[in-house]
Protein backbone atom coordinates (compact mmCIF):
# COMPACT_ATOMS: atom_id res chain seq x y z
CA UNK A 1 -65.52 35.64 -23.28
CA UNK A 2 -63.79 36.39 -19.79
CA UNK A 3 -64.37 33.06 -18.75
CA UNK A 4 -62.60 31.43 -21.42
CA UNK A 5 -59.52 33.84 -20.76
CA UNK A 6 -60.02 32.75 -17.04
CA UNK A 7 -59.73 29.02 -17.83
CA UNK A 8 -56.92 29.54 -20.29
CA UNK A 9 -54.86 31.40 -17.65
CA UNK A 10 -55.76 28.56 -15.29
CA UNK A 11 -54.34 25.91 -17.53
CA UNK A 12 -51.20 27.75 -18.61
CA UNK A 13 -50.60 28.07 -14.74
CA UNK A 14 -51.29 24.48 -13.85
CA UNK A 15 -48.95 23.65 -16.93
CA UNK A 16 -46.31 25.96 -15.71
CA UNK A 17 -46.24 24.16 -12.30
CA UNK A 18 -46.67 20.66 -13.20
CA UNK A 19 -43.54 21.65 -15.38
CA UNK A 20 -41.60 22.71 -12.23
CA UNK A 21 -39.47 19.60 -11.09
CA UNK A 22 -40.36 18.03 -7.80
CA UNK A 23 -36.50 17.45 -6.96
CA UNK A 24 -33.83 19.77 -6.36
CA UNK A 25 -31.00 18.06 -8.07
CA UNK A 26 -30.19 14.77 -10.12
CA UNK A 27 -27.14 12.61 -10.39
CA UNK A 28 -26.04 8.94 -11.10
CA UNK A 29 -25.20 6.50 -8.48
CA UNK A 30 -21.16 5.82 -7.99
CA UNK A 31 -19.49 3.56 -6.12
CA UNK A 32 -15.68 3.33 -4.67
CA UNK A 33 -13.71 1.15 -6.83
CA UNK A 34 -10.49 -0.58 -6.43
CA UNK A 35 -8.33 -1.79 -9.13
CA UNK A 36 -6.40 -4.69 -8.20
CA UNK A 37 -3.03 -4.87 -10.24
CA UNK A 38 -0.29 -7.25 -10.19
CA UNK A 39 2.81 -6.49 -8.23
CA UNK A 40 5.40 -9.01 -9.74
CA UNK A 41 6.23 -10.39 -12.89
CA UNK A 42 5.34 -13.97 -13.89
CA UNK A 43 2.39 -16.25 -15.43
CA UNK A 44 -0.74 -15.82 -13.54
CA UNK A 45 -1.63 -19.06 -12.12
CA UNK A 46 -5.19 -18.31 -10.88
CA UNK A 47 -7.49 -15.91 -10.58
CA UNK A 48 -10.34 -17.01 -8.10
CA UNK A 49 -13.03 -14.44 -8.85
CA UNK A 50 -15.53 -13.76 -11.40
CA UNK A 51 -17.40 -10.88 -12.49
CA UNK A 52 -20.53 -10.59 -10.11
CA UNK A 53 -18.81 -12.61 -7.34
CA UNK A 54 -18.51 -10.93 -3.90
CA UNK A 55 -15.03 -11.34 -1.99
CA UNK A 56 -14.24 -10.15 1.21
CA UNK A 57 -11.16 -7.94 2.41
CA UNK A 58 -8.07 -10.39 2.93
CA UNK A 59 -9.23 -13.20 0.73
CA UNK A 60 -6.68 -14.15 -2.25
CA UNK A 61 -8.06 -13.09 -5.45
CA UNK A 62 -5.36 -14.16 -7.91
CA UNK A 63 -2.10 -15.82 -7.77
CA UNK A 64 1.09 -15.17 -9.85
CA UNK A 65 3.80 -18.13 -10.15
CA UNK A 66 6.59 -17.56 -8.01
CA UNK A 67 8.84 -20.32 -8.69
CA UNK A 68 11.92 -18.25 -10.09
CA UNK A 69 11.59 -16.16 -6.77
CA UNK A 70 11.79 -19.44 -4.66
CA UNK A 71 14.96 -19.99 -6.53
CA UNK A 72 16.29 -16.81 -5.96
CA UNK A 73 15.57 -16.94 -2.40
CA UNK A 74 17.58 -20.50 -2.18
CA UNK A 75 20.54 -19.35 -3.75
CA UNK A 76 20.57 -16.27 -1.41
CA UNK A 77 20.00 -18.15 1.73
CA UNK A 78 23.05 -20.44 0.29
CA UNK A 79 25.31 -17.22 0.07
CA UNK A 80 24.14 -16.12 2.99
CA UNK A 81 25.18 -19.06 4.77
CA UNK A 82 28.64 -19.38 3.19
CA UNK A 83 29.39 -15.91 4.07
CA UNK A 84 28.39 -16.46 7.76
CA UNK A 85 30.61 -19.70 7.99
CA UNK A 86 33.72 -17.82 6.31
CA UNK A 87 33.79 -15.60 9.23
CA UNK A 88 37.10 -15.82 10.85
CA UNK A 89 37.35 -17.26 14.35
CA UNK A 90 39.35 -14.53 16.03
CA UNK A 91 39.97 -15.99 19.28
CA UNK A 92 41.09 -19.20 17.73
CA UNK A 93 43.67 -17.51 15.30
CA UNK A 94 45.14 -15.14 18.17
CA UNK A 95 45.48 -17.77 20.67
CA UNK A 96 49.07 -18.87 19.78
CA UNK A 97 50.38 -14.86 19.76
CA UNK A 98 48.56 -14.69 23.14
CA UNK A 99 50.25 -17.75 24.60
CA UNK A 100 53.60 -16.50 23.27
CA UNK A 101 52.86 -12.73 24.78
CA UNK A 102 52.02 -14.34 28.32
CA UNK A 103 55.62 -16.31 28.10
CA UNK A 104 57.51 -13.37 27.12
CA UNK A 105 55.76 -11.40 30.04
CA UNK A 106 57.03 -14.00 32.52
CA UNK A 107 60.48 -13.91 31.03
CA UNK A 108 60.55 -9.97 31.02
CA UNK A 109 59.32 -10.52 34.85
CA UNK A 110 62.24 -12.84 35.50
CA UNK A 111 64.66 -10.91 33.72
CA UNK A 112 63.87 -8.05 35.82
CA UNK A 113 64.60 -10.08 39.00
CA UNK A 114 67.93 -11.47 37.71
CA UNK A 115 68.90 -7.90 37.02
CA UNK A 116 68.22 -7.10 40.39
CA UNK A 117 70.11 -9.85 41.67
CA UNK A 118 73.02 -8.95 39.37
CA UNK A 119 72.59 -12.25 37.85
CA UNK A 120 71.85 -11.03 34.29
CA UNK A 121 72.96 -8.00 31.96
CA UNK A 122 70.89 -5.00 31.20
CA UNK A 123 70.88 -6.32 27.29
CA UNK A 124 69.31 -9.43 28.39
CA UNK A 125 66.53 -7.79 29.86
CA UNK A 126 66.03 -5.27 26.81
CA UNK A 127 66.13 -7.96 24.54
CA UNK A 128 63.03 -9.98 26.32
CA UNK A 129 61.18 -6.26 26.33
CA UNK A 130 61.61 -6.16 22.81
CA UNK A 131 60.71 -9.57 21.99
CA UNK A 132 57.51 -8.70 23.88
CA UNK A 133 56.97 -5.23 22.18
CA UNK A 134 57.03 -7.03 18.96
CA UNK A 135 54.51 -10.01 19.85
CA UNK A 136 51.81 -7.18 20.95
CA UNK A 137 52.38 -5.29 18.03
CA UNK A 138 51.95 -8.32 15.88
CA UNK A 139 48.71 -9.17 17.89
CA UNK A 140 47.47 -5.50 17.45
CA UNK A 141 48.03 -5.77 13.70
CA UNK A 142 46.26 -9.03 13.57
CA UNK A 143 43.53 -8.24 15.63
CA UNK A 144 42.81 -4.98 13.14
CA UNK A 145 43.09 -7.55 9.77
CA UNK A 146 40.48 -9.88 11.44
CA UNK A 147 38.30 -7.39 12.58
CA UNK A 148 38.20 -5.81 8.98
CA UNK A 149 37.54 -8.98 7.47
CA UNK A 150 35.05 -9.99 9.98
CA UNK A 151 33.11 -6.47 9.43
CA UNK A 152 33.24 -6.99 5.63
CA UNK A 153 31.93 -10.43 5.88
CA UNK A 154 29.26 -9.21 8.50
CA UNK A 155 28.10 -6.48 5.70
CA UNK A 156 28.03 -8.87 3.06
CA UNK A 157 25.68 -11.33 5.17
CA UNK A 158 23.47 -8.35 6.09
CA UNK A 159 23.08 -7.15 2.31
CA UNK A 160 22.05 -10.69 1.75
CA UNK A 161 19.51 -10.43 4.28
CA UNK A 162 18.28 -7.80 2.56
CA UNK A 163 17.99 -9.27 -0.72
CA UNK A 164 16.38 -12.51 0.98
CA UNK A 165 13.60 -10.16 2.73
CA UNK A 166 13.15 -8.21 -0.58
CA UNK A 167 12.62 -11.54 -2.62
CA UNK A 168 10.17 -12.71 0.26
CA UNK A 169 8.24 -9.44 -0.31
CA UNK A 170 8.00 -10.20 -3.87
CA UNK A 171 6.52 -13.81 -3.07
CA UNK A 172 4.17 -12.27 -0.62
CA UNK A 173 3.22 -9.84 -3.38
CA UNK A 174 2.60 -12.39 -5.85
CA UNK A 175 -0.74 -13.37 -3.99
CA UNK A 176 -2.89 -10.44 -4.66
CA UNK A 177 -5.24 -10.01 -1.59
CA UNK A 178 -8.56 -7.77 -1.63
CA UNK A 179 -8.32 -4.97 0.78
CA UNK A 180 -12.33 -4.32 0.44
CA UNK A 181 -15.56 -6.00 0.89
CA UNK A 182 -16.99 -5.94 -2.50
CA UNK A 183 -18.23 -7.31 -5.88
CA UNK A 184 -16.10 -7.97 -8.95
CA UNK A 185 -16.87 -5.40 -11.98
CA UNK A 186 -14.53 -6.62 -14.34
CA UNK A 187 -11.92 -9.17 -14.71
CA UNK A 188 -9.06 -8.07 -16.90
CA UNK A 189 -7.10 -11.42 -17.32
CA UNK A 190 -7.04 -14.90 -17.01
CA UNK A 191 -4.82 -17.63 -15.77
CA UNK A 192 -2.11 -18.35 -18.12
CA UNK A 193 -1.41 -15.01 -19.27
CA UNK A 194 1.84 -13.00 -18.06
CA UNK A 195 1.59 -10.47 -15.70
CA UNK A 196 3.86 -7.23 -15.48
CA UNK A 197 3.80 -4.72 -12.50
CA UNK A 198 0.65 -2.78 -12.73
CA UNK A 199 -1.04 -4.40 -15.05
CA UNK A 200 -4.96 -4.31 -13.89
CA UNK A 201 -6.31 -8.10 -13.19
CA UNK A 202 -9.97 -6.95 -11.54
CA UNK A 203 -11.77 -4.29 -10.48
CA UNK A 204 -13.79 -4.24 -7.39
CA UNK A 205 -16.34 -2.02 -5.69
CA UNK A 206 -18.17 -1.83 -2.51
CA UNK A 207 -21.85 -2.02 -3.80
CA UNK A 208 -23.20 -2.14 -0.13
CA UNK A 209 -22.53 1.50 0.62
CA UNK A 210 -22.60 3.41 -2.76
CA UNK A 211 -23.38 7.50 -3.30
CA UNK A 212 -25.35 9.65 -5.38
CA UNK A 213 -22.93 12.22 -7.26
CA UNK A 214 -25.18 15.16 -8.19
CA UNK A 215 -24.77 18.63 -8.81
CA UNK A 216 -26.00 21.93 -7.11
CA UNK A 217 -26.42 25.41 -7.99
CA UNK A 218 -24.45 28.38 -6.25
CA UNK A 219 -27.87 29.33 -4.96
CA UNK A 220 -28.87 25.99 -3.18
CA UNK A 221 -25.25 25.78 -1.41
CA UNK A 222 -26.69 27.63 1.56
CA UNK A 223 -29.21 24.68 2.07
CA UNK A 224 -26.68 22.32 1.76
CA UNK A 225 -24.35 20.82 4.52
CA UNK A 226 -21.79 17.96 5.64
CA UNK A 227 -24.02 15.34 7.40
CA UNK A 228 -27.25 16.75 6.33
CA UNK A 229 -29.84 14.24 6.20
CA UNK A 230 -31.96 13.97 2.33
CA UNK A 231 -33.88 11.80 0.24
CA UNK A 232 -32.70 9.98 -2.78
CA UNK A 233 -35.27 9.03 -5.13
CA UNK A 234 -33.81 6.24 -7.35
CA UNK A 235 -35.44 6.19 -10.89
CA UNK A 236 -36.10 2.23 -12.09
CA UNK A 237 -38.12 3.46 -15.28
CA UNK A 238 -41.56 4.34 -15.75
CA UNK A 239 -43.33 5.08 -12.65
CA UNK A 240 -41.30 2.53 -10.47
CA UNK A 241 -39.23 5.08 -8.09
CA UNK A 242 -38.02 4.40 -4.48
CA UNK A 243 -36.94 6.85 -1.87
CA UNK A 244 -33.82 5.86 0.10
CA UNK A 245 -32.38 8.21 3.21
CA UNK A 246 -29.10 9.77 2.26
CA UNK A 247 -26.34 11.77 4.09
CA UNK A 248 -24.32 14.50 2.47
CA UNK A 249 -20.55 13.47 2.99
CA UNK A 250 -18.64 15.61 0.42
CA UNK A 251 -19.43 19.03 -1.12
CA UNK A 252 -16.92 20.50 -3.41
CA UNK A 253 -15.07 23.65 -2.75
CA UNK A 254 -14.88 24.90 -6.47
CA UNK A 255 -17.63 25.11 -9.17
CA UNK A 256 -17.46 23.22 -12.53
CA UNK A 257 -19.41 23.66 -15.68
CA UNK A 258 -22.95 21.76 -15.51
CA UNK A 259 -22.28 18.32 -17.07
CA UNK A 260 -24.48 17.58 -20.11
CA UNK A 261 -25.95 14.51 -18.62
CA UNK A 262 -26.96 16.25 -15.41
CA UNK A 263 -30.47 18.38 -14.81
CA UNK A 264 -30.91 21.11 -12.21
CA UNK A 265 -33.59 22.64 -10.85
CA UNK A 266 -32.13 25.81 -12.18
CA UNK A 267 -31.55 25.38 -15.67
CA UNK A 268 -30.11 28.79 -16.23
CA UNK A 269 -27.19 27.82 -14.04
CA UNK A 270 -23.80 27.00 -16.00
CA UNK A 271 -21.50 26.40 -13.17
CA UNK A 272 -22.28 23.96 -10.30
CA UNK A 273 -20.99 22.03 -7.35
CA UNK A 274 -20.62 18.37 -6.98
CA UNK A 275 -22.17 17.07 -3.77
CA UNK A 276 -21.72 12.99 -2.61
CA UNK A 277 -24.53 11.62 -0.99
CA UNK A 278 -24.13 8.45 0.74
CA UNK A 279 -26.43 5.67 0.04
CA UNK A 280 -27.22 2.37 2.09
CA UNK A 281 -27.86 -0.07 -1.18
CA UNK A 282 -30.48 -2.73 -0.73
CA UNK A 283 -29.79 -5.01 -3.51
CA UNK A 284 -31.64 -2.78 -6.12
CA UNK A 285 -29.48 0.19 -6.59
CA UNK A 286 -27.11 -0.17 -9.68
CA UNK A 287 -24.06 1.50 -10.76
CA UNK A 288 -24.63 4.26 -13.36
CA UNK A 289 -28.36 4.37 -12.59
CA UNK A 290 -30.18 7.78 -12.38
CA UNK A 291 -31.52 9.48 -9.09
CA UNK A 292 -33.19 12.51 -7.80
CA UNK A 293 -32.32 14.67 -4.74
CA UNK A 294 -34.94 15.96 -2.52
CA UNK A 295 -33.60 18.43 0.25
């Protein structure tokens, strides 16, 4: 009887040991995704990437029709050219007045010499000086008017230049460029559809560098630190599992309730901390796949 109890206790102990998980946490593989959205309005002329295609940073993914924007640019350029050519030629328009002023200056000087010799009257000198002052006042007024007109035209030309640059920027934004090396996960639109600013066209993800988002209990935080190397075990179903080296890149500062899809070694814990573990993908890891973490 004693032997039977001993065997029963041993079996119970082995069962309890085998029920204890050989991992510290589990999680789901995720990746940094980028949604490429339209920034201008127009018909989608082409989308060069299909779901599953690899794209490089700087590659054009889609093109939106720029016909209307090109016409706007041409119109603005014509208006800008007309504004610039309508600017007054200040030197030419005041040349006649300057010639008259030079003549009156010589006349005043001549009248002063004649008055000194007693060959003219003071009134004639005063008349010559008054005529000179009048011409100078006219020159000053004309220069002021021409300056204001030139400034107004110049401001208009600058405003047109800004409008032209804005249209050119919209034309450039009509070519949607990938900002990362990645894989097309979802294609939201097709050529021929109408795009509006903010409309998603494709979603990209860097599948070469993914991470496992796992959750650890408060009691495990003492064993975790940024940059720590851990082992990530990818579960491919059945007994097929592969180990990958991982590096902890993020530890949440605030706790949250345990997600229903996550299991931890401490099943009694209600609050856990999210942790990101970077993993280099060899092509087998897939987004949404479960993985385990061993510290």
